[in-house]
Amino acid sequence: MKVESWVITDVGKQRSVNEDCHYVDAETGLFLVLDGMGGHRAGEVASRLATETITSFYKEHVADSNNRRDIFENYDSSFTYHANLLRQAAFIANRVVLEKSLENEEMLGMGSTVAGMAVNGFTVSMINVGDSRVYLIRNGLIEQISRDHTLAEDQVERGLMTREEARESQLRHILSSVVGVDSRIRVHMDELVVFPGDVFILCTDGLTAVMGDEEILSNITERGPTPETLQHLVEEANERGGPDNVTVAIMKFSQ
């Protein structure tokens, strides 16, 4: 399966520093988008550290023909080795960022979201922590594959809030899991078979805070999954106030 990929990042209109980070490598099949947070530029440090840690660990072990199990804290046999590798990389990144934050008072409490996917043949493995998202566009429909780790989403899962209420709730801005803030994190993991024509989107909440799923879909389907479309999405986010850094990556699959 062939994959073409493009990525764009922008500081937005209301921030002076871009604390987002990304890694897009079609050759190794690894794609990441991260959104750092924390004062004194600490968010920038957190997202960069997490990116470096995840990519280094994944690339070190992805070619291991023996599929080593000793590198995992716990291995979920219902998912592939590649999916477990991504999740373990997130666990390690969490420790690295947390330890770094404890070394410097100005970095205390820094953290990062992460949305990532790895391609192995006809299988796409995905993880996310926080509210950076993974979308799939297939047959003219858009589906969020990732799961937001926010207090609002937690309330929805417990049946205490409807999806409609969650969209308007202030709790949607409060993260319930993030890389680097606590010694334990929740990592959502998913996996699916990919088909020619599938388009995946990784993005930070700088986009989704100002643009709905159907708007994202219409931009991709009308303009096509191209670098120009990414530029248009960023421009549209900035026209709507550009409240945050925005990073968007597109992966297009073909035979």
Foldseek 3Di string as FASTA:
>chain_A
DAKDKDKDWDFFDADPDQLKDWDDDRVQQKTKIKFKDAPPSLRNVLNVLLVVQLVVQLVVCVPPPVLDPVLAPDDDVVDDSNQRSNVSSLLVSLVVLQVVQVVDVRNAQMFMKMWMWGDDPQKIKIKIAAAWWKWKADPLDIDTPYQHQWPLSVCVVVVNDPPVRSVVDPRSPHGNATRHNDNDGDMDIDMDGHDAFMKMKTKDVLQVVQDPPVRLSCLCVVVHPDPVSNVVSSVVSNVSPRNGMMMMMMMHGHD
